[in-house]
Protein backbone atom coordinates (compact mmCIF):
# COMPACT_ATOMS: atom_id res chain seq x y z
CA MET A 1 -3.65 -10.37 23.48
CA SER A 2 -1.14 -9.31 25.75
CA ASP A 3 0.01 -5.58 25.70
CA LYS A 4 2.23 -4.79 22.58
CA ASN A 5 2.83 -8.39 21.88
CA CYS A 6 0.40 -7.88 18.45
CA LEU A 7 2.51 -6.81 15.28
CA LEU A 8 1.44 -5.25 12.01
CA LEU A 9 3.32 -6.07 9.72
CA GLY A 10 3.07 -5.20 5.86
CA CYS A 11 3.32 -2.68 3.10
CA GLY A 12 5.01 0.82 3.50
CA ILE A 13 3.21 2.67 1.11
CA LEU A 14 0.65 4.11 4.03
CA GLN A 15 2.95 3.80 6.57
CA LYS A 16 2.52 7.57 7.59
CA GLU A 17 -1.30 7.04 7.88
CA VAL A 18 -1.09 3.76 9.32
CA GLN A 19 1.05 5.19 12.10
CA TYR A 20 -1.29 8.22 12.53
CA LEU A 21 -4.31 6.01 13.00
CA ILE A 22 -2.89 3.34 15.59
CA GLU A 23 -1.30 6.27 17.52
CA LYS A 24 -5.29 7.31 17.34
CA ASN A 25 -6.85 4.96 18.16
CA GLY A 26 -4.20 3.47 20.98
CA TRP A 27 -4.22 0.40 19.66
CA PRO A 28 -1.27 -2.03 21.15
CA LEU A 29 0.09 -2.61 18.17
CA ASP A 30 3.77 -2.38 16.86
CA THR A 31 4.81 -2.26 13.28
CA ASP A 32 7.49 -3.59 10.67
CA PHE A 33 7.21 -2.07 7.47
CA LEU A 34 8.14 -3.30 4.18
CA ASP A 35 9.20 -2.07 0.93
CA SER A 36 6.81 -0.60 -1.12
CA SER A 37 7.57 -1.66 -4.13
CA LEU A 38 7.52 -5.35 -3.58
CA HIS A 39 4.57 -6.36 -5.37
CA ILE A 40 6.28 -5.71 -8.35
CA ASN A 41 8.47 -9.28 -7.41
CA PHE A 42 6.33 -11.70 -6.40
CA GLU A 43 9.51 -13.53 -5.33
CA LYS A 44 10.54 -11.05 -3.37
CA LEU A 45 7.54 -10.07 -1.61
CA ALA A 46 6.91 -13.76 -0.24
CA CYS A 47 10.48 -14.31 0.98
CA GLU A 48 10.12 -10.32 2.79
CA LEU A 49 6.77 -11.19 3.98
CA HIS A 50 8.34 -14.62 5.36
CA GLN A 51 11.53 -12.83 6.75
CA GLY A 52 9.22 -10.80 8.83
CA PHE A 53 7.41 -13.58 10.10
CA LEU A 54 10.50 -14.92 11.46
CA ARG A 55 12.17 -11.89 12.99
CA HIS A 56 8.79 -11.77 14.73
CA PRO A 57 8.38 -15.45 15.90
CA GLU A 58 6.81 -15.07 19.84
CA ARG A 59 4.65 -12.04 17.99
CA GLU A 60 0.67 -11.88 17.12
CA ILE A 61 0.61 -10.62 13.52
CA ILE A 62 -1.67 -9.26 11.08
CA VAL A 63 -0.71 -8.50 7.85
CA PHE A 64 -1.29 -5.00 6.31
CA TYR A 65 -1.24 -6.16 2.55
CA GLY A 66 -3.68 -6.64 -0.42
CA CYS A 67 -4.29 -9.72 -3.08
CA CYS A 68 -0.59 -8.25 -3.96
CA HIS A 69 0.53 -11.95 -4.48
CA PRO A 70 -0.91 -14.72 -5.92
CA LYS A 71 -0.66 -16.55 -3.15
CA MET A 72 -1.48 -14.52 -0.76
CA GLU A 73 -3.50 -16.11 0.93
CA GLN A 74 -1.63 -19.83 1.45
CA LEU A 75 1.36 -17.42 2.54
CA LEU A 76 -1.02 -16.29 5.28
CA GLU A 77 -2.50 -19.86 6.50
CA ALA A 78 0.72 -20.84 6.31
CA ALA A 79 1.63 -18.29 9.44
CA HIS A 80 -1.14 -18.87 10.88
CA THR A 81 -2.81 -15.27 10.52
CA PHE A 82 -4.64 -13.13 8.26
CA ARG A 83 -4.42 -9.49 6.33
CA THR A 84 -6.86 -6.38 6.24
CA ALA A 85 -9.67 -6.77 3.43
CA GLY A 86 -9.13 -5.34 0.24
CA GLN A 87 -7.81 -5.61 -2.89
CA ASN A 88 -5.03 -3.08 -2.82
CA CYS A 89 -4.12 -0.28 -0.50
CA VAL A 90 -5.73 1.72 -2.26
CA GLU A 91 -8.63 0.43 -2.35
CA MET A 92 -8.55 -0.06 1.67
CA LEU A 93 -7.52 4.17 1.64
CA LEU A 94 -10.34 5.19 -0.74
CA GLY A 95 -13.34 2.50 -0.27
CA GLN A 96 -14.07 -0.09 -2.83
CA ALA A 97 -17.00 2.12 -4.73
CA LEU A 98 -14.59 5.29 -5.52
CA PHE A 99 -11.58 2.55 -5.95
CA MET A 100 -13.57 0.96 -8.58
CA GLU A 101 -14.94 4.65 -10.09
CA LYS A 102 -11.37 5.76 -10.57
CA LEU A 103 -9.69 2.73 -11.67
CA SER A 104 -12.62 2.34 -14.47
CA SER A 105 -12.57 5.98 -15.81
CA GLY A 106 -8.67 5.01 -16.13
CA ALA A 107 -6.74 6.50 -13.48
CA PHE A 108 -3.15 5.33 -12.54
CA PHE A 109 -3.27 6.02 -8.48
CA LEU A 110 -0.01 7.65 -7.22
CA LEU A 111 0.60 7.99 -3.48
CA GLU A 112 3.19 9.86 -1.65
CA ASP A 113 5.91 6.88 -0.91
CA TRP A 114 5.49 6.19 -5.01
CA ALA A 115 5.80 9.48 -6.39
CA LEU A 116 9.18 10.10 -4.01
CA ARG A 117 10.44 7.27 -5.31
CA TRP A 118 9.58 7.15 -8.89
CA ASP A 119 12.49 6.70 -10.73
CA GLU A 120 13.83 3.69 -9.05
CA VAL A 121 10.27 2.27 -8.88
CA ILE A 122 9.78 2.43 -12.46
CA THR A 123 12.99 1.49 -13.41
CA LYS A 124 12.47 -1.95 -11.56
CA THR A 125 9.41 -2.29 -13.28
CA PHE A 126 9.79 -1.59 -16.50
CA GLY A 127 13.49 -0.97 -17.41
CA ASN A 128 14.74 2.10 -18.66
CA ASN A 129 13.81 2.81 -21.14
CA PRO A 130 11.43 6.18 -21.31
CA GLU A 131 10.26 5.69 -24.65
CA VAL A 132 8.45 2.14 -23.36
CA VAL A 133 7.39 3.90 -19.95
CA ARG A 134 5.33 6.11 -21.60
CA GLU A 135 3.87 3.67 -23.93
CA ILE A 136 2.93 1.48 -21.44
CA PHE A 137 1.42 4.21 -19.53
CA GLN A 138 -0.40 5.72 -21.72
CA LEU A 139 -1.80 2.40 -23.31
CA SER A 140 -3.60 1.63 -19.84
CA ASN A 141 -3.86 5.12 -18.06
CA GLN A 142 -5.77 8.53 -18.72
CA SER A 143 -4.37 10.13 -16.24
CA LEU A 144 -1.93 10.27 -12.60
CA LEU A 145 -4.49 10.68 -10.08
CA CYS A 146 -2.32 11.78 -6.83
CA LEU A 147 -3.78 10.99 -3.41
CA ARG A 148 -3.06 13.34 -0.75
CA THR A 149 -4.20 12.32 2.71
CA PRO A 150 -3.93 14.48 5.76
CA CYS A 151 -0.48 12.75 6.78
CA SER A 152 0.85 13.40 2.99
CA GLY A 153 4.17 16.32 2.92
CA ASN A 154 4.41 18.12 -0.13
CA PHE A 155 4.95 16.17 -3.09
CA GLU A 156 3.77 18.23 -6.25
CA GLN A 157 7.22 18.75 -7.90
CA VAL A 158 7.97 14.78 -7.85
CA ALA A 159 4.27 14.42 -9.22
CA GLN A 160 4.59 16.88 -11.98
CA GLN A 161 7.55 15.06 -12.85
CA ALA A 162 6.04 11.89 -13.16
CA SER A 163 3.32 13.40 -14.94
CA GLU A 164 5.26 14.71 -17.51
CA ALA A 165 7.98 11.39 -17.79
CA VAL A 166 4.68 9.41 -19.05
CA GLY A 167 2.81 11.94 -21.04
CA LEU A 168 -0.94 12.02 -18.53
CA PRO A 169 -2.38 14.81 -16.94
CA LEU A 170 -1.91 14.90 -13.56
CA HIS A 171 -4.93 15.44 -11.26
CA TRP A 172 -5.08 15.57 -7.21
CA MET A 173 -7.38 14.01 -4.94
CA ASP A 174 -7.62 14.53 -1.28
CA VAL A 175 -8.32 11.83 1.07
CA GLU A 176 -9.53 11.38 4.30
CA LEU A 177 -8.30 8.37 6.65
CA ASP A 178 -11.88 6.87 7.07
CA HIS A 179 -11.90 3.85 5.09
CA LEU A 180 -8.35 2.64 6.13
CA GLU A 181 -9.30 2.99 9.44
CA THR A 182 -11.98 0.94 9.41
CA VAL A 183 -10.38 -1.75 7.28
CA LEU A 184 -7.18 -1.56 10.15
CA ARG A 185 -9.83 -1.83 13.18
CA GLN A 186 -11.46 -4.54 11.75
CA VAL A 187 -8.33 -6.57 11.88
CA VAL A 188 -7.18 -5.20 15.13
CA THR A 189 -10.81 -6.21 16.44
CA LYS A 190 -10.64 -9.58 14.98
CA LYS A 191 -6.96 -10.10 16.83
CA LEU A 192 -8.39 -9.04 20.04
CA ILE A 193 -10.80 -11.71 19.78
CA VAL A 194 -8.86 -14.61 18.21
């Protein structure tokens, strides 16, 4: 891989964290981040990934996504590339054991980007009926769990508003970047070897 020929194409949900880790480790890696709500529209996600591949025809591309599309592996195979390991960005951030523990206790994970864009993302996903949104969240979740990383800004007010909108208690967890760094190191190393 020539210096800066490698590009990370993927979800923008952890953009600040990924950028920080790239700089910290001195990885020769440019980035192209996509909208963090694409996972709610499979057709649009596939289209945006494909457009991303087309935007960078001469680049060695690594994809920063989980299993966010039912045909993710086929999309990557067609583009002759691979993705980060993990079911989704939250698992990449927390590690599988902690992710599964919190998920099984009924947590809906709220990251800064989603909290800041709550109304936009929720309306795109569930429509503009607050009662339906509350019912959906309360049927499948016990709480909103806000994940705060060392790169996070202050999003307490918007997180509180989201909690009130869905009628679920709000909890906070401070998360280091160790797991995410390991996930990224694995794909960067793989691309360097390939």
